């Protein structure tokens, strides 16, 4: 039974993604966005249980990628197109297709390249789905009219598409180990985050997702600026000599 537990969560991930597509065509955009976020939860449990039980397999990896393509590729692209980008007509569906294609490329690259336990190369596709779903939830919550949201969502879709296929590294949190002394403080932090998010889910889910998306470019900028500073110091020392 334990051997099939990861596949069960992958199937739940796929089901949530399929339901998100159906809900989008029925105009239930809020339901669609929530389904995509639920798919992320199932995807996390899928990987965790596979590693805990030692039941990782090539079949499981391929099945997971196909489910991710539906839940974090096709479903978010259709959701953002029908909810916000349809007014752009050709530009809108091209942006949605570019996003879908970038998710496919991102997943294919992940499958063929050896992945690190510490980081992902490029923005993970669940994070791409999360920013689209949380954006839709926030816009519905704020009641912003389409004329004000379309250009921003169009730019967001292209930016997220680029980040997924970029070489920018994002933390994976797969091998995070919490010491006994730290577990109490981690629990307090977790409760605090849940409480703050529960006070206004659309807003804080959007903020949390944006923070993760910004993490990759910020770490890259820090490394670049540190390397630039070291080269400057080295140049100054050579001039003094």
C-alpha atoms as a PDB file:
ATOM      1  CA  UNK A   1       0.000   0.000   0.000  1.00  0.00           C
ATOM      2  CA  UNK A   2       2.812   2.410   0.938  1.00  0.00           C
ATOM      3  CA  UNK A   3       4.440   1.769  -2.426  1.00  0.00           C
ATOM      4  CA  UNK A   4       1.394   3.205  -4.211  1.00  0.00           C
ATOM      5  CA  UNK A   5       0.860   6.141  -1.845  1.00  0.00           C
ATOM      6  CA  UNK A   6       2.958   8.604  -3.922  1.00  0.00           C
ATOM      7  CA  UNK A   7       0.999   7.618  -7.066  1.00  0.00           C
ATOM      8  CA  UNK A   8      -2.255   8.253  -5.175  1.00  0.00           C
ATOM      9  CA  UNK A   9      -1.199  11.831  -4.413  1.00  0.00           C
ATOM     10  CA  UNK A  10      -0.043  12.281  -8.018  1.00  0.00           C
ATOM     11  CA  UNK A  11      -3.520  11.192  -9.148  1.00  0.00           C
ATOM     12  CA  UNK A  12      -5.093  13.690  -6.734  1.00  0.00           C
ATOM     13  CA  UNK A  13      -2.798  16.336  -8.221  1.00  0.00           C
ATOM     14  CA  UNK A  14      -3.993  15.388 -11.714  1.00  0.00           C
ATOM     15  CA  UNK A  15      -7.638  15.372 -10.612  1.00  0.00           C
ATOM     16  CA  UNK A  16      -7.301  18.865  -9.088  1.00  0.00           C
ATOM     17  CA  UNK A  17      -5.720  20.146 -12.296  1.00  0.00           C
ATOM     18  CA  UNK A  18      -8.445  18.595 -14.442  1.00  0.00           C
ATOM     19  CA  UNK A  19     -11.142  20.069 -12.218  1.00  0.00           C
ATOM     20  CA  UNK A  20      -9.448  23.484 -12.479  1.00  0.00           C
ATOM     21  CA  UNK A  21      -9.801  23.289 -16.279  1.00  0.00           C
ATOM     22  CA  UNK A  22     -13.475  22.309 -16.053  1.00  0.00           C
ATOM     23  CA  UNK A  23     -14.162  25.088 -13.519  1.00  0.00           C
ATOM     24  CA  UNK A  24     -12.462  27.639 -15.797  1.00  0.00           C
ATOM     25  CA  UNK A  25     -14.755  26.796 -18.718  1.00  0.00           C
ATOM     26  CA  UNK A  26     -17.757  27.042 -16.379  1.00  0.00           C
ATOM     27  CA  UNK A  27     -16.664  30.530 -15.310  1.00  0.00           C
ATOM     28  CA  UNK A  28     -15.894  29.394 -11.739  1.00  0.00           C
ATOM     29  CA  UNK A  29     -12.522  31.136 -11.643  1.00  0.00           C
ATOM     30  CA  UNK A  30     -12.222  31.153  -7.874  1.00  0.00           C
ATOM     31  CA  UNK A  31     -12.851  27.393  -7.727  1.00  0.00           C
ATOM     32  CA  UNK A  32     -10.282  26.871 -10.486  1.00  0.00           C
ATOM     33  CA  UNK A  33      -7.619  28.887  -8.655  1.00  0.00           C
ATOM     34  CA  UNK A  34      -8.233  27.007  -5.390  1.00  0.00           C
ATOM     35  CA  UNK A  35      -8.001  23.671  -7.242  1.00  0.00           C
ATOM     36  CA  UNK A  36      -4.572  24.654  -8.639  1.00  0.00           C
ATOM     37  CA  UNK A  37      -3.384  25.532  -5.129  1.00  0.00           C
ATOM     38  CA  UNK A  38      -4.683  22.175  -3.854  1.00  0.00           C
ATOM     39  CA  UNK A  39      -2.780  20.456  -6.668  1.00  0.00           C
ATOM     40  CA  UNK A  40       0.406  22.042  -5.298  1.00  0.00           C
ATOM     41  CA  UNK A  41      -0.303  20.532  -1.865  1.00  0.00           C
ATOM     42  CA  UNK A  42      -0.840  17.085  -3.404  1.00  0.00           C
ATOM     43  CA  UNK A  43       2.352  17.497  -5.450  1.00  0.00           C
ATOM     44  CA  UNK A  44       4.342  18.276  -2.293  1.00  0.00           C
ATOM     45  CA  UNK A  45       2.973  15.201  -0.482  1.00  0.00           C
ATOM     46  CA  UNK A  46       3.658  13.093  -3.563  1.00  0.00           C
ATOM     47  CA  UNK A  47       7.384  13.864  -3.486  1.00  0.00           C
ATOM     48  CA  UNK A  48       7.683  13.710   0.299  1.00  0.00           C
ATOM     49  CA  UNK A  49       6.074  10.281   0.585  1.00  0.00           C
ATOM     50  CA  UNK A  50       8.131   8.944  -2.334  1.00  0.00           C
ATOM     51  CA  UNK A  51      11.366   9.966  -0.590  1.00  0.00           C
ATOM     52  CA  UNK A  52      10.251   8.837   2.877  1.00  0.00           C
ATOM     53  CA  UNK A  53       9.166   5.378   1.703  1.00  0.00           C
ATOM     54  CA  UNK A  54      12.036   5.008  -0.779  1.00  0.00           C
ATOM     55  CA  UNK A  55       9.572   4.348  -3.613  1.00  0.00           C
ATOM     56  CA  UNK A  56      11.019   6.744  -6.165  1.00  0.00           C
ATOM     57  CA  UNK A  57      10.898   5.285  -9.670  1.00  0.00           C
ATOM     58  CA  UNK A  58      11.158   6.371 -13.292  1.00  0.00           C
ATOM     59  CA  UNK A  59       7.454   5.620 -13.738  1.00  0.00           C
ATOM     60  CA  UNK A  60       6.579   7.831 -10.762  1.00  0.00           C
ATOM     61  CA  UNK A  61       8.773  10.630 -12.073  1.00  0.00           C
ATOM     62  CA  UNK A  62       7.151  10.561 -15.521  1.00  0.00           C
ATOM     63  CA  UNK A  63       3.630  10.272 -14.089  1.00  0.00           C
ATOM     64  CA  UNK A  64       4.314  13.211 -11.798  1.00  0.00           C
ATOM     65  CA  UNK A  65       5.564  15.336 -14.705  1.00  0.00           C
ATOM     66  CA  UNK A  66       2.469  14.558 -16.793  1.00  0.00           C
ATOM     67  CA  UNK A  67       0.216  15.485 -13.865  1.00  0.00           C
ATOM     68  CA  UNK A  68       2.220  18.696 -13.319  1.00  0.00           C
ATOM     69  CA  UNK A  69       1.808  19.590 -16.987  1.00  0.00           C
ATOM     70  CA  UNK A  70      -1.956  19.491 -16.563  1.00  0.00           C
ATOM     71  CA  UNK A  71      -2.148  21.135 -13.124  1.00  0.00           C
ATOM     72  CA  UNK A  72       0.582  23.771 -13.461  1.00  0.00           C
ATOM     73  CA  UNK A  73       0.826  24.167 -17.225  1.00  0.00           C
ATOM     74  CA  UNK A  74      -2.513  23.866 -18.999  1.00  0.00           C
ATOM     75  CA  UNK A  75      -4.852  24.705 -16.092  1.00  0.00           C
ATOM     76  CA  UNK A  76      -3.181  28.021 -15.076  1.00  0.00           C
ATOM     77  CA  UNK A  77      -2.770  29.061 -18.733  1.00  0.00           C
ATOM     78  CA  UNK A  78      -6.488  28.540 -19.434  1.00  0.00           C
ATOM     79  CA  UNK A  79      -7.452  30.195 -16.153  1.00  0.00           C
ATOM     80  CA  UNK A  80      -5.478  33.399 -16.750  1.00  0.00           C
ATOM     81  CA  UNK A  81      -6.547  33.529 -20.408  1.00  0.00           C
ATOM     82  CA  UNK A  82     -10.268  33.205 -19.699  1.00  0.00           C
ATOM     83  CA  UNK A  83     -10.170  35.429 -16.635  1.00  0.00           C
ATOM     84  CA  UNK A  84      -7.914  38.232 -17.827  1.00  0.00           C
ATOM     85  CA  UNK A  85      -6.114  37.845 -21.155  1.00  0.00           C
ATOM     86  CA  UNK A  86      -9.038  37.086 -23.446  1.00  0.00           C
ATOM     87  CA  UNK A  87      -9.523  40.821 -24.076  1.00  0.00           C
ATOM     88  CA  UNK A  88      -6.137  40.849 -25.856  1.00  0.00           C
ATOM     89  CA  UNK A  89      -7.445  38.252 -28.359  1.00  0.00           C
ATOM     90  CA  UNK A  90      -4.336  36.982 -30.239  1.00  0.00           C
ATOM     91  CA  UNK A  91      -1.821  38.507 -27.808  1.00  0.00           C
ATOM     92  CA  UNK A  92      -3.671  36.883 -24.934  1.00  0.00           C
ATOM     93  CA  UNK A  93      -3.721  33.321 -26.195  1.00  0.00           C
ATOM     94  CA  UNK A  94      -0.120  33.605 -27.433  1.00  0.00           C
ATOM     95  CA  UNK A  95       0.974  34.621 -23.911  1.00  0.00           C
ATOM     96  CA  UNK A  96      -0.953  31.673 -22.461  1.00  0.00           C
ATOM     97  CA  UNK A  97       0.640  29.314 -24.999  1.00  0.00           C
ATOM     98  CA  UNK A  98       4.134  30.648 -24.221  1.00  0.00           C
ATOM     99  CA  UNK A  99       3.504  29.954 -20.541  1.00  0.00           C
ATOM    100  CA  UNK A 100       2.309  26.408 -21.317  1.00  0.00           C
ATOM    101  CA  UNK A 101       5.308  25.736 -23.568  1.00  0.00           C
ATOM    102  CA  UNK A 102       7.720  27.022 -20.903  1.00  0.00           C
ATOM    103  CA  UNK A 103       6.182  24.688 -18.325  1.00  0.00           C
ATOM    104  CA  UNK A 104       6.654  21.759 -20.746  1.00  0.00           C
ATOM    105  CA  UNK A 105      10.292  22.757 -21.372  1.00  0.00           C
ATOM    106  CA  UNK A 106      10.874  23.231 -17.642  1.00  0.00           C
ATOM    107  CA  UNK A 107       9.527  19.758 -16.831  1.00  0.00           C
ATOM    108  CA  UNK A 108      11.422  18.097 -19.691  1.00  0.00           C
ATOM    109  CA  UNK A 109      14.681  19.747 -18.587  1.00  0.00           C
ATOM    110  CA  UNK A 110      14.071  18.618 -15.014  1.00  0.00           C
ATOM    111  CA  UNK A 111      13.567  15.012 -16.151  1.00  0.00           C
ATOM    112  CA  UNK A 112      16.685  14.754 -18.317  1.00  0.00           C
ATOM    113  CA  UNK A 113      19.123  16.699 -16.145  1.00  0.00           C
ATOM    114  CA  UNK A 114      20.487  15.521 -12.822  1.00  0.00           C
ATOM    115  CA  UNK A 115      18.728  17.617 -10.195  1.00  0.00           C
ATOM    116  CA  UNK A 116      20.279  18.940  -7.013  1.00  0.00           C
ATOM    117  CA  UNK A 117      18.666  18.307  -3.653  1.00  0.00           C
ATOM    118  CA  UNK A 118      19.417  21.890  -2.641  1.00  0.00           C
ATOM    119  CA  UNK A 119      18.000  23.880  -5.538  1.00  0.00           C
ATOM    120  CA  UNK A 120      15.960  23.859  -8.748  1.00  0.00           C
ATOM    121  CA  UNK A 121      17.236  25.248 -12.027  1.00  0.00           C
ATOM    122  CA  UNK A 122      14.587  27.735 -13.024  1.00  0.00           C
ATOM    123  CA  UNK A 123      11.348  28.563 -11.234  1.00  0.00           C
ATOM    124  CA  UNK A 124       9.473  25.337 -10.359  1.00  0.00           C
ATOM    125  CA  UNK A 125       6.241  24.886 -12.331  1.00  0.00           C
ATOM    126  CA  UNK A 126       4.094  24.658  -9.136  1.00  0.00           C
ATOM    127  CA  UNK A 127       5.314  28.156  -8.216  1.00  0.00           C
ATOM    128  CA  UNK A 128       4.283  29.353 -11.678  1.00  0.00           C
ATOM    129  CA  UNK A 129       0.830  27.894 -11.162  1.00  0.00           C
ATOM    130  CA  UNK A 130       0.702  29.379  -7.656  1.00  0.00           C
ATOM    131  CA  UNK A 131       1.375  32.953  -8.782  1.00  0.00           C
ATOM    132  CA  UNK A 132      -1.335  32.755 -11.457  1.00  0.00           C
ATOM    133  CA  UNK A 133      -3.867  31.178  -9.079  1.00  0.00           C
ATOM    134  CA  UNK A 134      -3.095  33.598  -6.224  1.00  0.00           C
ATOM    135  CA  UNK A 135      -3.253  36.584  -8.621  1.00  0.00           C
ATOM    136  CA  UNK A 136      -6.725  35.556  -9.792  1.00  0.00           C
ATOM    137  CA  UNK A 137      -7.887  35.073  -6.194  1.00  0.00           C
ATOM    138  CA  UNK A 138      -6.505  38.489  -5.219  1.00  0.00           C
ATOM    139  CA  UNK A 139      -8.132  40.266  -8.178  1.00  0.00           C
ATOM    140  CA  UNK A 140     -11.474  38.626  -7.423  1.00  0.00           C
ATOM    141  CA  UNK A 141     -11.104  39.615  -3.772  1.00  0.00           C
ATOM    142  CA  UNK A 142     -10.287  43.235  -4.665  1.00  0.00           C
ATOM    143  CA  UNK A 143     -12.970  43.400  -7.361  1.00  0.00           C
ATOM    144  CA  UNK A 144     -10.611  45.026  -9.885  1.00  0.00           C
ATOM    145  CA  UNK A 145     -12.096  45.450 -13.356  1.00  0.00           C
ATOM    146  CA  UNK A 146     -10.436  43.684 -16.361  1.00  0.00           C
ATOM    147  CA  UNK A 147      -9.342  46.966 -17.981  1.00  0.00           C
ATOM    148  CA  UNK A 148      -6.977  47.602 -15.060  1.00  0.00           C
ATOM    149  CA  UNK A 149      -5.630  44.113 -14.630  1.00  0.00           C
ATOM    150  CA  UNK A 150      -4.967  42.873 -18.173  1.00  0.00           C
ATOM    151  CA  UNK A 151      -1.649  44.580 -18.935  1.00  0.00           C
ATOM    152  CA  UNK A 152      -0.158  43.645 -15.574  1.00  0.00           C
ATOM    153  CA  UNK A 153      -1.238  40.014 -15.865  1.00  0.00           C
ATOM    154  CA  UNK A 154       0.093  39.859 -19.433  1.00  0.00           C
ATOM    155  CA  UNK A 155       3.527  41.054 -18.268  1.00  0.00           C
ATOM    156  CA  UNK A 156       3.384  38.695 -15.292  1.00  0.00           C
ATOM    157  CA  UNK A 157       2.711  35.685 -17.516  1.00  0.00           C
ATOM    158  CA  UNK A 158       5.718  36.474 -19.721  1.00  0.00           C
ATOM    159  CA  UNK A 159       7.969  37.106 -16.709  1.00  0.00           C
ATOM    160  CA  UNK A 160       6.985  33.854 -15.003  1.00  0.00           C
ATOM    161  CA  UNK A 161       7.436  31.987 -18.302  1.00  0.00           C
ATOM    162  CA  UNK A 162      10.997  33.292 -18.616  1.00  0.00           C
ATOM    163  CA  UNK A 163      11.880  32.497 -14.998  1.00  0.00           C
ATOM    164  CA  UNK A 164      10.804  28.859 -15.450  1.00  0.00           C
ATOM    165  CA  UNK A 165      13.217  28.256 -18.348  1.00  0.00           C
ATOM    166  CA  UNK A 166      15.978  30.514 -16.987  1.00  0.00           C
ATOM    167  CA  UNK A 167      19.161  29.188 -15.331  1.00  0.00           C
ATOM    168  CA  UNK A 168      18.294  31.058 -12.107  1.00  0.00           C
ATOM    169  CA  UNK A 169      18.478  28.737  -9.098  1.00  0.00           C
ATOM    170  CA  UNK A 170      15.635  28.440  -6.591  1.00  0.00           C
ATOM    171  CA  UNK A 171      15.829  26.656  -3.215  1.00  0.00           C
ATOM    172  CA  UNK A 172      14.097  23.286  -3.184  1.00  0.00           C
ATOM    173  CA  UNK A 173      13.768  22.802   0.607  1.00  0.00           C
ATOM    174  CA  UNK A 174      13.921  19.037  -0.018  1.00  0.00           C
ATOM    175  CA  UNK A 175      16.751  18.379   2.403  1.00  0.00           C
ATOM    176  CA  UNK A 176      15.795  20.878   5.103  1.00  0.00           C
ATOM    177  CA  UNK A 177      16.527  19.293   8.488  1.00  0.00           C
ATOM    178  CA  UNK A 178      15.283  20.922  11.644  1.00  0.00           C
ATOM    179  CA  UNK A 179      17.165  20.227  14.868  1.00  0.00           C
ATOM    180  CA  UNK A 180      15.232  19.457  18.038  1.00  0.00           C
ATOM    181  CA  UNK A 181      16.161  22.838  19.498  1.00  0.00           C
ATOM    182  CA  UNK A 182      14.907  24.610  16.375  1.00  0.00           C
ATOM    183  CA  UNK A 183      11.670  22.630  15.978  1.00  0.00           C
ATOM    184  CA  UNK A 184       9.847  24.664  18.630  1.00  0.00           C
ATOM    185  CA  UNK A 185      10.688  27.977  16.939  1.00  0.00           C
ATOM    186  CA  UNK A 186       9.829  26.533  13.530  1.00  0.00           C
ATOM    187  CA  UNK A 187       6.424  25.484  14.886  1.00  0.00           C
ATOM    188  CA  UNK A 188       5.837  29.008  16.241  1.00  0.00           C
ATOM    189  CA  UNK A 189       6.836  30.508  12.890  1.00  0.00           C
ATOM    190  CA  UNK A 190       4.559  28.090  11.032  1.00  0.00           C
ATOM    191  CA  UNK A 191       1.590  28.937  13.292  1.00  0.00           C
ATOM    192  CA  UNK A 192       2.294  32.655  12.823  1.00  0.00           C
ATOM    193  CA  UNK A 193       2.391  32.333   9.025  1.00  0.00           C
ATOM    194  CA  UNK A 194      -0.829  30.281   8.982  1.00  0.00           C
ATOM    195  CA  UNK A 195      -2.585  32.781  11.269  1.00  0.00           C
ATOM    196  CA  UNK A 196      -1.516  35.772   9.156  1.00  0.00           C
ATOM    197  CA  UNK A 197      -2.501  34.012   5.934  1.00  0.00           C
ATOM    198  CA  UNK A 198      -5.884  33.011   7.367  1.00  0.00           C
ATOM    199  CA  UNK A 199      -6.634  36.660   8.139  1.00  0.00           C
ATOM    200  CA  UNK A 200      -6.625  37.482   4.418  1.00  0.00           C
ATOM    201  CA  UNK A 201      -5.847  34.373   2.292  1.00  0.00           C
ATOM    202  CA  UNK A 202      -5.889  35.977  -1.201  1.00  0.00           C
ATOM    203  CA  UNK A 203      -3.507  38.772  -0.200  1.00  0.00           C
ATOM    204  CA  UNK A 204      -1.013  36.794   1.834  1.00  0.00           C
ATOM    205  CA  UNK A 205      -0.938  33.791  -0.532  1.00  0.00           C
ATOM    206  CA  UNK A 206      -0.047  36.262  -3.278  1.00  0.00           C
ATOM    207  CA  UNK A 207       2.653  37.896  -1.109  1.00  0.00           C
ATOM    208  CA  UNK A 208       4.199  34.555  -0.090  1.00  0.00           C
ATOM    209  CA  UNK A 209       4.316  33.388  -3.700  1.00  0.00           C
ATOM    210  CA  UNK A 210       5.881  36.671  -4.849  1.00  0.00           C
ATOM    211  CA  UNK A 211       8.538  36.391  -2.124  1.00  0.00           C
ATOM    212  CA  UNK A 212       9.557  32.931  -3.344  1.00  0.00           C
ATOM    213  CA  UNK A 213       9.622  34.045  -6.977  1.00  0.00           C
ATOM    214  CA  UNK A 214      11.799  37.046  -6.052  1.00  0.00           C
ATOM    215  CA  UNK A 215      14.160  34.836  -4.033  1.00  0.00           C
ATOM    216  CA  UNK A 216      15.967  33.437  -7.087  1.00  0.00           C
ATOM    217  CA  UNK A 217      16.837  36.787  -8.734  1.00  0.00           C
ATOM    218  CA  UNK A 218      17.794  38.267  -5.344  1.00  0.00           C
ATOM    219  CA  UNK A 219      20.237  35.437  -4.584  1.00  0.00           C
ATOM    220  CA  UNK A 220      21.666  35.745  -8.099  1.00  0.00           C
ATOM    221  CA  UNK A 221      22.094  39.527  -7.666  1.00  0.00           C
ATOM    222  CA  UNK A 222      23.790  38.999  -4.304  1.00  0.00           C
ATOM    223  CA  UNK A 223      26.296  36.556  -5.819  1.00  0.00           C
ATOM    224  CA  UNK A 224      26.917  38.898  -8.751  1.00  0.00           C
ATOM    225  CA  UNK A 225      27.451  41.946  -6.507  1.00  0.00           C
ATOM    226  CA  UNK A 226      29.719  39.976  -4.175  1.00  0.00           C
ATOM    227  CA  UNK A 227      31.833  38.798  -7.120  1.00  0.00           C
ATOM    228  CA  UNK A 228      31.976  42.338  -8.466  1.00  0.00           C
ATOM    229  CA  UNK A 229      33.097  43.651  -5.067  1.00  0.00           C
ATOM    230  CA  UNK A 230      35.829  40.998  -4.825  1.00  0.00           C
ATOM    231  CA  UNK A 231      37.128  41.892  -8.295  1.00  0.00           C
ATOM    232  CA  UNK A 232      37.156  45.580  -7.294  1.00  0.00           C
ATOM    233  CA  UNK A 233      39.165  44.874  -4.124  1.00  0.00           C
ATOM    234  CA  UNK A 234      41.598  42.716  -6.075  1.00  0.00           C
ATOM    235  CA  UNK A 235      42.044  45.471  -8.660  1.00  0.00           C
ATOM    236  CA  UNK A 236      42.649  48.069  -5.937  1.00  0.00           C
ATOM    237  CA  UNK A 237      45.302  45.898  -4.305  1.00  0.00           C
ATOM    238  CA  UNK A 238      47.082  45.362  -7.627  1.00  0.00           C
ATOM    239  CA  UNK A 239      47.139  49.137  -8.274  1.00  0.00           C
ATOM    240  CA  UNK A 240      48.679  49.797  -4.854  1.00  0.00           C
ATOM    241  CA  UNK A 241      51.397  47.296  -5.537  1.00  0.00           C
END
